[in-house]
Amino acid sequence: MTTVLARDQINAIVIGEVSRARPNWGENMESWYLPNSKLKFDCTDELKFRSERLRSQDRIPMDVTIPRTFKSYRSGGDEVMDYILSVK
């Protein structure tokens, strides 16, 4: 949520891997049980739009996509921080 708010309210630049977070989601979830199988499921009747700009997006888009590599992980590197420090 912080990413969405920073992006919409202060025009933050989002850098890193593709986000798995959704900018908009359902709220007021209620749990239900099917009477015969007793399977539980959640359902909502309300969808909150936290970002009108990202209304139709299913992920929070990156302004600069920088995927992580195993080589960097193994050596303790940080591609995102390297990028940020290289920008002047």
N, C-alpha and C. Protein backbone atom coordinates (compact mmCIF):
# COMPACT_ATOMS: atom_id res chain seq x y z
N MET A 1 0.82 -1.19 0.00
CA MET A 1 0.00 0.00 0.00
C MET A 1 0.86 1.26 0.00
N THR A 2 1.98 1.19 0.70
CA THR A 2 2.86 2.36 0.76
C THR A 2 3.36 2.72 -0.64
N THR A 3 3.67 1.72 -1.44
CA THR A 3 4.14 1.96 -2.80
C THR A 3 3.09 2.68 -3.61
N VAL A 4 1.84 2.25 -3.53
CA VAL A 4 0.75 2.87 -4.27
C VAL A 4 0.56 4.32 -3.83
N LEU A 5 0.53 4.55 -2.53
CA LEU A 5 0.34 5.92 -2.02
C LEU A 5 1.50 6.83 -2.41
N ALA A 6 2.73 6.35 -2.27
CA ALA A 6 3.89 7.17 -2.63
C ALA A 6 3.88 7.50 -4.11
N ARG A 7 3.51 6.55 -4.89
CA ARG A 7 3.46 6.75 -6.34
C ARG A 7 2.39 7.78 -6.73
N ASP A 8 1.21 7.64 -6.15
CA ASP A 8 0.10 8.53 -6.51
C ASP A 8 0.21 9.91 -5.89
N GLN A 9 0.73 10.00 -4.66
CA GLN A 9 0.68 11.28 -3.94
C GLN A 9 1.95 12.11 -4.04
N ILE A 10 3.11 11.47 -4.18
CA ILE A 10 4.34 12.25 -4.27
C ILE A 10 5.16 11.92 -5.51
N ASN A 11 4.55 11.21 -6.44
CA ASN A 11 5.20 10.85 -7.71
C ASN A 11 6.53 10.12 -7.51
N ALA A 12 6.56 9.19 -6.55
CA ALA A 12 7.75 8.39 -6.30
C ALA A 12 8.07 7.53 -7.52
N ILE A 13 9.33 7.27 -7.71
CA ILE A 13 9.78 6.38 -8.77
C ILE A 13 9.98 5.01 -8.14
N VAL A 14 9.34 4.00 -8.71
CA VAL A 14 9.38 2.65 -8.15
C VAL A 14 10.42 1.84 -8.92
N ILE A 15 11.40 1.32 -8.18
CA ILE A 15 12.52 0.61 -8.78
C ILE A 15 12.62 -0.78 -8.17
N GLY A 16 12.90 -1.77 -8.99
CA GLY A 16 13.13 -3.11 -8.46
C GLY A 16 12.53 -4.19 -9.32
N GLU A 17 12.20 -5.31 -8.67
CA GLU A 17 11.58 -6.43 -9.35
C GLU A 17 10.10 -6.16 -9.56
N VAL A 18 9.51 -6.86 -10.50
CA VAL A 18 8.08 -6.74 -10.74
C VAL A 18 7.34 -7.10 -9.45
N SER A 19 6.44 -6.26 -9.06
CA SER A 19 5.70 -6.46 -7.81
C SER A 19 4.67 -7.57 -7.95
N ARG A 20 4.48 -8.30 -6.88
CA ARG A 20 3.42 -9.30 -6.85
C ARG A 20 2.20 -8.74 -6.11
N ALA A 21 2.33 -7.53 -5.60
CA ALA A 21 1.23 -6.91 -4.85
C ALA A 21 0.19 -6.34 -5.80
N ARG A 22 -1.05 -6.34 -5.36
CA ARG A 22 -2.13 -5.77 -6.15
C ARG A 22 -2.50 -4.38 -5.61
N PRO A 23 -2.70 -3.42 -6.49
CA PRO A 23 -3.02 -2.08 -6.02
C PRO A 23 -4.46 -1.95 -5.51
N ASN A 24 -5.33 -2.81 -5.92
CA ASN A 24 -6.74 -2.74 -5.53
C ASN A 24 -7.20 -4.14 -5.14
N TRP A 25 -8.01 -4.24 -4.11
CA TRP A 25 -8.44 -5.55 -3.64
C TRP A 25 -9.76 -5.46 -2.91
N GLY A 26 -10.31 -6.62 -2.61
CA GLY A 26 -11.57 -6.69 -1.89
C GLY A 26 -11.39 -6.47 -0.40
N GLU A 27 -12.39 -5.87 0.22
CA GLU A 27 -12.38 -5.67 1.67
C GLU A 27 -13.66 -6.21 2.27
N ASN A 28 -13.69 -6.20 3.59
CA ASN A 28 -14.85 -6.70 4.33
C ASN A 28 -15.14 -8.15 3.97
N MET A 29 -14.07 -8.94 3.99
CA MET A 29 -14.21 -10.36 3.67
C MET A 29 -15.01 -11.08 4.74
N GLU A 30 -15.84 -11.98 4.31
CA GLU A 30 -16.59 -12.83 5.22
C GLU A 30 -16.30 -14.28 4.85
N SER A 31 -16.16 -15.11 5.86
CA SER A 31 -15.92 -16.53 5.63
C SER A 31 -17.24 -17.29 5.63
N TRP A 32 -17.33 -18.24 4.73
CA TRP A 32 -18.54 -19.06 4.60
C TRP A 32 -18.10 -20.52 4.54
N TYR A 33 -18.97 -21.40 4.95
CA TYR A 33 -18.72 -22.84 4.87
C TYR A 33 -19.81 -23.48 4.03
N LEU A 34 -19.40 -24.33 3.09
CA LEU A 34 -20.39 -25.07 2.32
C LEU A 34 -21.01 -26.13 3.23
N PRO A 35 -22.33 -26.26 3.18
CA PRO A 35 -23.01 -27.10 4.16
C PRO A 35 -22.65 -28.59 4.11
N ASN A 36 -22.45 -29.16 2.95
CA ASN A 36 -22.18 -30.59 2.87
C ASN A 36 -20.70 -30.93 3.01
N SER A 37 -19.85 -30.21 2.28
CA SER A 37 -18.42 -30.53 2.29
C SER A 37 -17.67 -29.84 3.44
N LYS A 38 -18.27 -28.81 4.00
CA LYS A 38 -17.64 -28.00 5.06
C LYS A 38 -16.42 -27.24 4.57
N LEU A 39 -16.28 -27.11 3.26
CA LEU A 39 -15.18 -26.32 2.71
C LEU A 39 -15.41 -24.85 3.04
N LYS A 40 -14.32 -24.17 3.41
CA LYS A 40 -14.40 -22.76 3.76
C LYS A 40 -13.99 -21.92 2.56
N PHE A 41 -14.68 -20.81 2.34
CA PHE A 41 -14.27 -19.86 1.32
C PHE A 41 -14.56 -18.46 1.81
N ASP A 42 -13.83 -17.49 1.26
CA ASP A 42 -14.02 -16.09 1.62
C ASP A 42 -14.68 -15.36 0.47
N CYS A 43 -15.52 -14.43 0.82
CA CYS A 43 -16.27 -13.69 -0.19
C CYS A 43 -16.44 -12.24 0.27
N THR A 44 -16.48 -11.33 -0.68
CA THR A 44 -16.71 -9.93 -0.36
C THR A 44 -17.68 -9.34 -1.37
N ASP A 45 -18.32 -8.28 -0.96
CA ASP A 45 -19.23 -7.59 -1.89
C ASP A 45 -18.73 -6.19 -2.19
N GLU A 46 -17.47 -5.91 -1.82
CA GLU A 46 -16.94 -4.57 -2.00
C GLU A 46 -15.50 -4.63 -2.48
N LEU A 47 -15.17 -3.88 -3.53
CA LEU A 47 -13.81 -3.79 -4.03
C LEU A 47 -13.32 -2.37 -3.80
N LYS A 48 -12.21 -2.25 -3.09
CA LYS A 48 -11.63 -0.93 -2.81
C LYS A 48 -10.63 -0.57 -3.89
N PHE A 49 -10.76 0.62 -4.43
CA PHE A 49 -9.80 1.12 -5.40
C PHE A 49 -8.91 2.13 -4.70
N ARG A 50 -7.71 1.70 -4.34
CA ARG A 50 -6.77 2.58 -3.65
C ARG A 50 -6.10 3.53 -4.62
N SER A 51 -6.06 3.16 -5.87
CA SER A 51 -5.42 3.99 -6.88
C SER A 51 -6.27 4.00 -8.13
N GLU A 52 -6.84 5.13 -8.42
CA GLU A 52 -7.62 5.25 -9.66
C GLU A 52 -6.72 5.09 -10.88
N ARG A 53 -5.49 5.54 -10.76
CA ARG A 53 -4.54 5.43 -11.87
C ARG A 53 -4.22 3.98 -12.20
N LEU A 54 -4.23 3.13 -11.19
CA LEU A 54 -3.89 1.71 -11.39
C LEU A 54 -5.13 0.84 -11.38
N ARG A 55 -6.27 1.41 -11.61
CA ARG A 55 -7.55 0.72 -11.49
C ARG A 55 -7.60 -0.62 -12.23
N SER A 56 -7.10 -0.65 -13.46
CA SER A 56 -7.20 -1.88 -14.26
C SER A 56 -5.96 -2.76 -14.17
N GLN A 57 -4.96 -2.36 -13.39
CA GLN A 57 -3.72 -3.14 -13.26
C GLN A 57 -3.90 -4.28 -12.28
N ASP A 58 -3.27 -5.40 -12.54
CA ASP A 58 -3.31 -6.50 -11.58
C ASP A 58 -2.02 -6.55 -10.76
N ARG A 59 -1.04 -5.71 -11.08
CA ARG A 59 0.22 -5.60 -10.34
C ARG A 59 0.61 -4.12 -10.28
N ILE A 60 1.46 -3.80 -9.32
CA ILE A 60 1.99 -2.44 -9.24
C ILE A 60 3.17 -2.38 -10.21
N PRO A 61 3.08 -1.56 -11.25
CA PRO A 61 4.16 -1.54 -12.24
C PRO A 61 5.41 -0.83 -11.70
N MET A 62 6.57 -1.26 -12.17
CA MET A 62 7.84 -0.63 -11.82
C MET A 62 8.15 0.45 -12.83
N ASP A 63 8.73 1.54 -12.40
CA ASP A 63 9.21 2.56 -13.33
C ASP A 63 10.55 2.13 -13.91
N VAL A 64 11.37 1.47 -13.09
CA VAL A 64 12.64 0.91 -13.54
C VAL A 64 12.68 -0.53 -13.03
N THR A 65 12.64 -1.48 -13.95
CA THR A 65 12.66 -2.89 -13.56
C THR A 65 14.10 -3.38 -13.50
N ILE A 66 14.47 -3.90 -12.33
CA ILE A 66 15.81 -4.43 -12.13
C ILE A 66 15.67 -5.79 -11.47
N PRO A 67 15.72 -6.86 -12.24
CA PRO A 67 15.59 -8.19 -11.65
C PRO A 67 16.83 -8.57 -10.85
N ARG A 68 16.62 -9.32 -9.79
CA ARG A 68 17.72 -9.83 -8.97
C ARG A 68 18.37 -11.01 -9.70
N THR A 69 19.66 -11.21 -9.45
CA THR A 69 20.36 -12.36 -10.00
C THR A 69 20.93 -13.20 -8.86
N PHE A 70 21.07 -14.47 -9.10
CA PHE A 70 21.64 -15.34 -8.08
C PHE A 70 23.09 -14.98 -7.81
N LYS A 71 23.81 -14.61 -8.85
CA LYS A 71 25.22 -14.23 -8.69
C LYS A 71 25.35 -13.06 -7.72
N SER A 72 24.50 -12.07 -7.88
CA SER A 72 24.53 -10.92 -6.98
C SER A 72 24.10 -11.31 -5.57
N TYR A 73 23.07 -12.14 -5.47
CA TYR A 73 22.61 -12.61 -4.16
C TYR A 73 23.72 -13.35 -3.42
N ARG A 74 24.40 -14.22 -4.14
CA ARG A 74 25.45 -15.03 -3.54
C ARG A 74 26.61 -14.15 -3.06
N SER A 75 26.89 -13.08 -3.79
CA SER A 75 28.01 -12.22 -3.40
C SER A 75 27.59 -11.09 -2.46
N GLY A 76 26.30 -11.02 -2.13
CA GLY A 76 25.83 -9.98 -1.22
C GLY A 76 25.58 -8.64 -1.91
N GLY A 77 25.49 -8.67 -3.23
CA GLY A 77 25.26 -7.44 -3.99
C GLY A 77 23.80 -7.00 -3.95
N ASP A 78 23.56 -5.80 -4.41
CA ASP A 78 22.20 -5.25 -4.45
C ASP A 78 22.08 -4.40 -5.71
N GLU A 79 21.49 -4.99 -6.76
CA GLU A 79 21.38 -4.30 -8.04
C GLU A 79 20.57 -3.01 -7.95
N VAL A 80 19.53 -3.02 -7.13
CA VAL A 80 18.68 -1.83 -7.01
C VAL A 80 19.46 -0.70 -6.37
N MET A 81 20.17 -0.96 -5.28
CA MET A 81 20.95 0.09 -4.64
C MET A 81 22.07 0.56 -5.56
N ASP A 82 22.69 -0.35 -6.28
CA ASP A 82 23.72 0.04 -7.24
C ASP A 82 23.15 1.01 -8.27
N TYR A 83 21.95 0.72 -8.76
CA TYR A 83 21.30 1.61 -9.74
C TYR A 83 21.03 2.98 -9.13
N ILE A 84 20.45 2.99 -7.93
CA ILE A 84 20.11 4.26 -7.26
C ILE A 84 21.36 5.11 -7.06
N LEU A 85 22.44 4.49 -6.61
CA LEU A 85 23.68 5.25 -6.37
C LEU A 85 24.33 5.72 -7.65
N SER A 86 24.01 5.07 -8.79
CA SER A 86 24.62 5.48 -10.07
C SER A 86 23.87 6.65 -10.71
N VAL A 87 22.66 6.94 -10.26
CA VAL A 87 21.86 8.02 -10.85
C VAL A 87 22.29 9.36 -10.24
N LYS A 88 22.58 10.29 -11.09
CA LYS A 88 22.98 11.61 -10.59
C LYS A 88 22.12 12.70 -11.12
